[in-house]
Amino acid sequence: MKVIRCPEDLEVALSRIEELFNAQEGTLEDDELSALFALVEAYEAETVPIPGGIYFSLSIIADRETNKHRD
């Protein structure tokens, strides 16, 4: 896990969040998920001119997860 400095880093973080999205609470994976959320939120606060920041990225992930389960 590292600081997100560019769009490519953001994509890596979002992909990992997608992998961990259903992590069981209290596990190491859940801790990693929380840390990644914080990193994405910090990056988006500085670079994404969209109200809601991380919620925009999370909505993309949620849409991906929903579409996976439809297939």
C-alpha atoms as a PDB file:
ATOM      1  CA  MET A   1       0.000   0.000   0.000  1.00  0.00           C
ATOM      2  CA  LYS A   2       1.330   3.414  -0.928  1.00  0.00           C
ATOM      3  CA  VAL A   3       0.304   7.014  -1.313  1.00  0.00           C
ATOM      4  CA  ILE A   4      -1.787   7.653  -4.418  1.00  0.00           C
ATOM      5  CA  ARG A   5       0.012  10.192  -6.593  1.00  0.00           C
ATOM      6  CA  CYS A   6      -1.427   9.733 -10.086  1.00  0.00           C
ATOM      7  CA  PRO A   7      -4.440   8.281 -11.913  1.00  0.00           C
ATOM      8  CA  GLU A   8      -2.622   4.975 -12.403  1.00  0.00           C
ATOM      9  CA  ASP A   9      -2.076   4.643  -8.649  1.00  0.00           C
ATOM     10  CA  LEU A  10      -5.750   5.428  -8.151  1.00  0.00           C
ATOM     11  CA  GLU A  11      -6.767   2.633 -10.525  1.00  0.00           C
ATOM     12  CA  VAL A  12      -4.565   0.168  -8.653  1.00  0.00           C
ATOM     13  CA  ALA A  13      -6.107   1.227  -5.345  1.00  0.00           C
ATOM     14  CA  LEU A  14      -9.652   1.032  -6.710  1.00  0.00           C
ATOM     15  CA  SER A  15      -8.992  -2.436  -8.114  1.00  0.00           C
ATOM     16  CA  ARG A  16      -7.740  -3.577  -4.720  1.00  0.00           C
ATOM     17  CA  ILE A  17     -10.763  -2.008  -3.018  1.00  0.00           C
ATOM     18  CA  GLU A  18     -12.957  -3.960  -5.411  1.00  0.00           C
ATOM     19  CA  GLU A  19     -11.169  -7.180  -4.417  1.00  0.00           C
ATOM     20  CA  LEU A  20     -11.613  -6.409  -0.719  1.00  0.00           C
ATOM     21  CA  PHE A  21     -15.102  -4.913  -0.942  1.00  0.00           C
ATOM     22  CA  ASN A  22     -16.763  -7.741   1.011  1.00  0.00           C
ATOM     23  CA  ALA A  23     -13.996  -8.223   3.573  1.00  0.00           C
ATOM     24  CA  GLN A  24     -15.182  -9.523   6.914  1.00  0.00           C
ATOM     25  CA  GLU A  25     -15.172  -6.834   9.594  1.00  0.00           C
ATOM     26  CA  GLY A  26     -12.222  -6.968  11.966  1.00  0.00           C
ATOM     27  CA  THR A  27      -9.881  -8.826   9.598  1.00  0.00           C
ATOM     28  CA  LEU A  28      -6.585  -7.658   8.124  1.00  0.00           C
ATOM     29  CA  GLU A  29      -8.368  -7.312   4.791  1.00  0.00           C
ATOM     30  CA  ASP A  30     -10.920  -5.012   6.412  1.00  0.00           C
ATOM     31  CA  ASP A  31      -8.088  -2.917   7.850  1.00  0.00           C
ATOM     32  CA  GLU A  32      -6.478  -2.713   4.408  1.00  0.00           C
ATOM     33  CA  LEU A  33      -9.808  -1.710   2.895  1.00  0.00           C
ATOM     34  CA  SER A  34     -10.203   1.117   5.422  1.00  0.00           C
ATOM     35  CA  ALA A  35      -6.681   2.353   4.725  1.00  0.00           C
ATOM     36  CA  LEU A  36      -7.277   2.283   0.976  1.00  0.00           C
ATOM     37  CA  PHE A  37     -10.504   4.257   1.405  1.00  0.00           C
ATOM     38  CA  ALA A  38      -8.549   6.908   3.304  1.00  0.00           C
ATOM     39  CA  LEU A  39      -5.855   7.059   0.617  1.00  0.00           C
ATOM     40  CA  VAL A  40      -8.412   7.379  -2.180  1.00  0.00           C
ATOM     41  CA  GLU A  41     -10.318  10.018  -0.250  1.00  0.00           C
ATOM     42  CA  ALA A  42      -7.137  12.059   0.292  1.00  0.00           C
ATOM     43  CA  TYR A  43      -6.160  11.806  -3.372  1.00  0.00           C
ATOM     44  CA  GLU A  44      -9.623  12.753  -4.606  1.00  0.00           C
ATOM     45  CA  ALA A  45      -9.888  15.664  -2.186  1.00  0.00           C
ATOM     46  CA  GLU A  46      -6.849  17.168  -3.888  1.00  0.00           C
ATOM     47  CA  THR A  47      -7.452  16.179  -7.503  1.00  0.00           C
ATOM     48  CA  VAL A  48     -11.083  15.424  -8.293  1.00  0.00           C
ATOM     49  CA  PRO A  49     -13.277  18.475  -8.695  1.00  0.00           C
ATOM     50  CA  ILE A  50     -16.393  16.483  -7.831  1.00  0.00           C
ATOM     51  CA  PRO A  51     -18.429  17.030  -4.693  1.00  0.00           C
ATOM     52  CA  GLY A  52     -18.397  13.789  -2.770  1.00  0.00           C
ATOM     53  CA  GLY A  53     -14.877  12.664  -3.730  1.00  0.00           C
ATOM     54  CA  ILE A  54     -14.496   9.047  -2.689  1.00  0.00           C
ATOM     55  CA  TYR A  55     -18.208   8.471  -2.968  1.00  0.00           C
ATOM     56  CA  PHE A  56     -17.860   8.890  -6.731  1.00  0.00           C
ATOM     57  CA  SER A  57     -15.198   6.168  -6.903  1.00  0.00           C
ATOM     58  CA  LEU A  58     -17.120   3.929  -4.539  1.00  0.00           C
ATOM     59  CA  SER A  59     -20.228   4.249  -6.680  1.00  0.00           C
ATOM     60  CA  ILE A  60     -18.185   3.006  -9.636  1.00  0.00           C
ATOM     61  CA  ILE A  61     -17.032   0.010  -7.608  1.00  0.00           C
ATOM     62  CA  ALA A  62     -20.561  -0.693  -6.402  1.00  0.00           C
ATOM     63  CA  ASP A  63     -21.800  -0.591 -10.000  1.00  0.00           C
ATOM     64  CA  ARG A  64     -19.066  -3.051 -11.046  1.00  0.00           C
ATOM     65  CA  GLU A  65     -20.011  -5.410  -8.215  1.00  0.00           C
ATOM     66  CA  THR A  66     -23.712  -5.190  -9.099  1.00  0.00           C
ATOM     67  CA  ASN A  67     -23.000  -5.920 -12.745  1.00  0.00           C
ATOM     68  CA  LYS A  68     -20.800  -8.915 -11.824  1.00  0.00           C
ATOM     69  CA  HIS A  69     -23.656 -10.501  -9.923  1.00  0.00           C
ATOM     70  CA  ARG A  70     -26.056  -9.984 -12.819  1.00  0.00           C
ATOM     71  CA  ASP A  71     -23.882 -11.983 -15.220  1.00  0.00           C
END
